[in-house]
Amino acid sequence: MSSLMDSQTQITPAIQMLIKQLLTSVGENPTREGLEKTPERVEKAFRFMTKGYQEDVDNVLNEALFPIDYDEMVIVKDIDFYSLCEHHMLPFFGKCHVAYIPNGKIVGLSKIPRLVEVFSRRLQVQERLTVEIAEALESRLHPQGVAVVVEGFHLCMMMRGVQKQNAYATTSSMLGEFRNQQKTRGEFLQLLRHNVRRHVGE
């Protein structure tokens, strides 16, 4: 732990110095009022937005794995995520939907959003983010199948480049029965489209 803290202490002034250089490069004065503390604020923000590098998937999941005789689909939908595009270091954000079919073992439901956060709080591309979430669940749970669908809005496409504010990207990773069984995959995709919450209690 101390070595990690030491490395972070060494990185902090380097990041702040780079932010000062960036401000100067775009024509700003980093010592003027309003920007004087910006390098410190940006350093703290980037450390938070990339905290996934300091988190371990096994620590998140291992103590929340439980044996159970259940083999129906488990779905956690509409998981909000925020990440940074590794190409332009601009944010992309959206919803992640995760499903798996247990094979004698389940994971605590709250750990699935935590898992999404571990991988999203890094420099990412949406395609890799989708695959990493699916593969992490497959390798720890050994389920009958895993499915992950990610829908993301990319500021690198909205603010610059093609500047299309309403365009978003959808990526998926299907493993096990979700890949091999069209019926299983279709059931999952249908449940994503169906707003189950509207019918609760009816």
Protein backbone atom coordinates (compact mmCIF):
# COMPACT_ATOMS: atom_id res chain seq x y z
CA MET A 1 0.00 0.00 0.00
CA SER A 2 2.81 2.42 0.88
CA SER A 3 4.53 1.89 -2.47
CA LEU A 4 1.26 2.72 -4.28
CA MET A 5 0.86 5.90 -2.21
CA ASP A 6 4.48 6.85 -2.91
CA SER A 7 4.00 6.40 -6.66
CA GLN A 8 0.82 8.51 -6.57
CA THR A 9 2.68 11.24 -4.65
CA GLN A 10 5.33 11.30 -7.38
CA ILE A 11 2.74 11.38 -10.19
CA THR A 12 0.66 14.23 -8.74
CA PRO A 13 3.09 17.13 -9.40
CA ALA A 14 3.90 15.72 -12.84
CA ILE A 15 0.22 15.73 -13.83
CA GLN A 16 -0.28 19.25 -12.52
CA MET A 17 2.79 20.47 -14.40
CA LEU A 18 1.45 18.95 -17.62
CA ILE A 19 -1.90 20.69 -17.12
CA LYS A 20 -0.10 24.02 -16.67
CA GLN A 21 1.81 23.37 -19.89
CA LEU A 22 -1.45 22.50 -21.67
CA LEU A 23 -3.09 25.73 -20.50
CA THR A 24 -0.12 27.72 -21.73
CA SER A 25 -0.14 25.86 -25.07
CA VAL A 26 -3.76 26.81 -25.80
CA GLY A 27 -3.05 30.47 -25.06
CA GLU A 28 -4.12 30.71 -21.43
CA ASN A 29 -2.33 32.02 -18.36
CA PRO A 30 -2.31 29.26 -15.73
CA THR A 31 -1.54 31.79 -12.96
CA ARG A 32 -4.60 33.97 -13.53
CA GLU A 33 -7.52 33.95 -11.11
CA GLY A 34 -9.87 31.12 -12.01
CA LEU A 35 -7.10 28.91 -13.40
CA GLU A 36 -4.68 29.04 -10.51
CA LYS A 37 -6.07 25.85 -8.92
CA THR A 38 -7.17 24.21 -12.18
CA PRO A 39 -4.14 21.87 -12.45
CA GLU A 40 -4.88 20.52 -8.97
CA ARG A 41 -8.59 20.11 -9.75
CA VAL A 42 -7.90 18.38 -13.07
CA GLU A 43 -5.40 16.03 -11.44
CA LYS A 44 -7.98 15.01 -8.82
CA ALA A 45 -10.68 14.60 -11.47
CA PHE A 46 -8.52 12.41 -13.69
CA ARG A 47 -7.42 10.32 -10.75
CA PHE A 48 -11.10 9.67 -9.93
CA MET A 49 -12.05 9.01 -13.56
CA THR A 50 -9.23 6.46 -13.93
CA LYS A 51 -9.51 4.83 -10.50
CA GLY A 52 -10.28 1.50 -12.17
CA TYR A 53 -6.55 0.98 -12.64
CA GLN A 54 -6.20 0.76 -8.85
CA GLU A 55 -9.08 -1.71 -8.40
CA ASP A 56 -8.92 -5.48 -8.65
CA VAL A 57 -11.72 -7.58 -10.13
CA ASP A 58 -11.08 -10.47 -7.75
CA ASN A 59 -11.37 -8.20 -4.73
CA VAL A 60 -14.71 -6.96 -6.05
CA LEU A 61 -16.19 -10.38 -6.85
CA ASN A 62 -14.57 -13.12 -4.80
CA GLU A 63 -16.31 -12.48 -1.47
CA ALA A 64 -19.70 -12.17 -3.17
CA LEU A 65 -19.83 -15.56 -4.94
CA PHE A 66 -22.49 -17.90 -3.53
CA PRO A 67 -23.38 -21.52 -4.35
CA ILE A 68 -27.01 -21.92 -5.39
CA ASP A 69 -29.18 -24.27 -7.41
CA TYR A 70 -30.56 -21.74 -9.90
CA ASP A 71 -30.25 -21.91 -13.66
CA GLU A 72 -32.52 -19.17 -14.99
CA MET A 73 -31.31 -15.94 -16.55
CA VAL A 74 -30.12 -13.17 -14.21
CA ILE A 75 -30.21 -9.67 -15.72
CA VAL A 76 -29.06 -6.32 -14.36
CA LYS A 77 -30.18 -3.55 -16.72
CA ASP A 78 -29.56 0.16 -17.13
CA ILE A 79 -26.24 0.35 -15.30
CA ASP A 80 -25.00 3.91 -15.78
CA PHE A 81 -21.34 4.18 -16.70
CA TYR A 82 -18.85 6.93 -17.49
CA SER A 83 -15.53 6.37 -19.17
CA LEU A 84 -12.79 8.15 -21.13
CA CYS A 85 -12.07 7.43 -24.77
CA GLU A 86 -8.44 6.40 -25.08
CA HIS A 87 -8.11 8.08 -28.48
CA HIS A 88 -9.02 11.65 -27.45
CA MET A 89 -9.38 11.35 -23.64
CA LEU A 90 -12.91 12.72 -23.96
CA PRO A 91 -15.80 11.17 -22.02
CA PHE A 92 -18.18 8.56 -23.30
CA PHE A 93 -21.13 7.44 -21.20
CA GLY A 94 -24.34 5.47 -21.33
CA LYS A 95 -25.99 2.28 -20.14
CA CYS A 96 -24.68 -1.23 -19.66
CA HIS A 97 -26.91 -4.33 -19.53
CA VAL A 98 -25.52 -7.58 -18.12
CA ALA A 99 -27.00 -11.08 -18.04
CA TYR A 100 -25.73 -14.51 -17.09
CA ILE A 101 -27.12 -18.00 -16.60
CA PRO A 102 -25.73 -19.52 -13.38
CA ASN A 103 -24.01 -22.86 -13.27
CA GLY A 104 -24.16 -23.64 -9.56
CA LYS A 105 -22.88 -20.21 -8.48
CA ILE A 106 -24.18 -16.64 -8.44
CA VAL A 107 -22.64 -13.24 -7.68
CA GLY A 108 -24.20 -10.58 -5.47
CA LEU A 109 -26.27 -8.29 -7.68
CA SER A 110 -24.59 -5.10 -6.47
CA LYS A 111 -21.22 -6.45 -7.61
CA ILE A 112 -22.21 -6.33 -11.28
CA PRO A 113 -22.42 -2.50 -11.37
CA ARG A 114 -19.17 -2.45 -9.38
CA LEU A 115 -17.56 -4.63 -12.03
CA VAL A 116 -18.76 -2.28 -14.76
CA GLU A 117 -17.18 0.61 -12.88
CA VAL A 118 -13.83 -1.17 -12.49
CA PHE A 119 -13.43 -1.40 -16.26
CA SER A 120 -15.16 1.85 -17.25
CA ARG A 121 -13.01 4.00 -14.95
CA ARG A 122 -10.04 3.55 -17.26
CA LEU A 123 -8.98 4.80 -20.68
CA GLN A 124 -11.19 2.67 -22.88
CA VAL A 125 -12.83 1.90 -26.16
CA GLN A 126 -16.42 0.73 -25.89
CA GLU A 127 -15.73 -2.53 -27.70
CA ARG A 128 -13.03 -3.60 -25.24
CA LEU A 129 -15.06 -2.43 -22.25
CA THR A 130 -17.91 -4.72 -23.34
CA VAL A 131 -15.65 -7.74 -23.75
CA GLU A 132 -13.76 -7.20 -20.48
CA ILE A 133 -16.97 -7.16 -18.43
CA ALA A 134 -18.21 -10.36 -20.08
CA GLU A 135 -14.90 -12.20 -19.77
CA ALA A 136 -14.47 -11.22 -16.11
CA LEU A 137 -17.85 -12.76 -15.23
CA GLU A 138 -17.17 -15.85 -17.32
CA SER A 139 -13.78 -16.53 -15.73
CA ARG A 140 -15.00 -16.11 -12.13
CA LEU A 141 -18.49 -17.62 -12.32
CA HIS A 142 -18.03 -20.26 -15.04
CA PRO A 143 -21.71 -19.78 -15.93
CA GLN A 144 -23.66 -21.41 -18.71
CA GLY A 145 -23.51 -18.11 -20.55
CA VAL A 146 -22.83 -14.38 -20.25
CA ALA A 147 -24.23 -11.48 -22.26
CA VAL A 148 -23.23 -7.82 -22.12
CA VAL A 149 -24.71 -4.99 -24.16
CA VAL A 150 -23.33 -1.44 -23.89
CA GLU A 151 -24.95 1.68 -25.33
CA GLY A 152 -22.73 4.74 -25.34
CA PHE A 153 -22.69 8.40 -26.32
CA HIS A 154 -19.20 9.56 -27.29
CA LEU A 155 -18.22 13.20 -26.87
CA CYS A 156 -15.34 12.67 -29.31
CA MET A 157 -18.06 12.15 -31.93
CA MET A 158 -20.53 14.71 -30.55
CA MET A 159 -18.24 17.67 -29.81
CA ARG A 160 -15.70 17.23 -32.61
CA GLY A 161 -15.25 15.25 -35.81
CA VAL A 162 -18.65 14.48 -37.32
CA GLN A 163 -20.44 16.46 -34.53
CA LYS A 164 -23.52 14.22 -34.48
CA GLN A 165 -25.21 14.81 -31.13
CA ASN A 166 -27.83 12.07 -31.42
CA ALA A 167 -25.60 9.23 -32.61
CA TYR A 168 -24.71 6.50 -30.13
CA ALA A 169 -22.88 3.19 -30.34
CA THR A 170 -24.14 -0.24 -29.31
CA THR A 171 -21.73 -3.10 -28.65
CA SER A 172 -22.30 -6.62 -27.38
CA SER A 173 -20.41 -9.64 -26.14
CA MET A 174 -22.18 -13.00 -26.07
CA LEU A 175 -20.53 -16.02 -24.49
CA GLY A 176 -21.64 -19.61 -23.89
CA GLU A 177 -25.36 -20.21 -24.38
CA PHE A 178 -25.94 -16.61 -25.41
CA ARG A 179 -23.63 -17.16 -28.35
CA ASN A 180 -24.59 -20.73 -29.18
CA GLN A 181 -28.36 -20.65 -28.59
CA GLN A 182 -30.32 -18.19 -30.68
CA LYS A 183 -33.40 -18.66 -28.47
CA THR A 184 -31.46 -17.68 -25.34
CA ARG A 185 -29.91 -14.69 -27.03
CA GLY A 186 -33.30 -13.62 -28.39
CA GLU A 187 -34.92 -13.89 -24.94
CA PHE A 188 -32.25 -11.64 -23.46
CA LEU A 189 -32.57 -9.01 -26.19
CA GLN A 190 -36.36 -9.09 -25.88
CA LEU A 191 -36.13 -8.52 -22.12
CA LEU A 192 -33.89 -5.52 -22.75
CA ARG A 193 -36.55 -4.00 -24.96
CA HIS A 194 -39.39 -4.78 -22.53
CA ASN A 195 -39.86 -2.34 -19.67
CA VAL A 196 -40.51 -4.85 -16.91
CA ARG A 197 -40.82 -2.16 -14.22
CA ARG A 198 -44.02 -0.78 -15.75
CA HIS A 199 -45.81 -4.06 -15.01
CA VAL A 200 -44.63 -4.66 -11.46
CA GLY A 201 -47.68 -4.78 -9.20
CA GLU A 202 -50.24 -4.77 -12.01
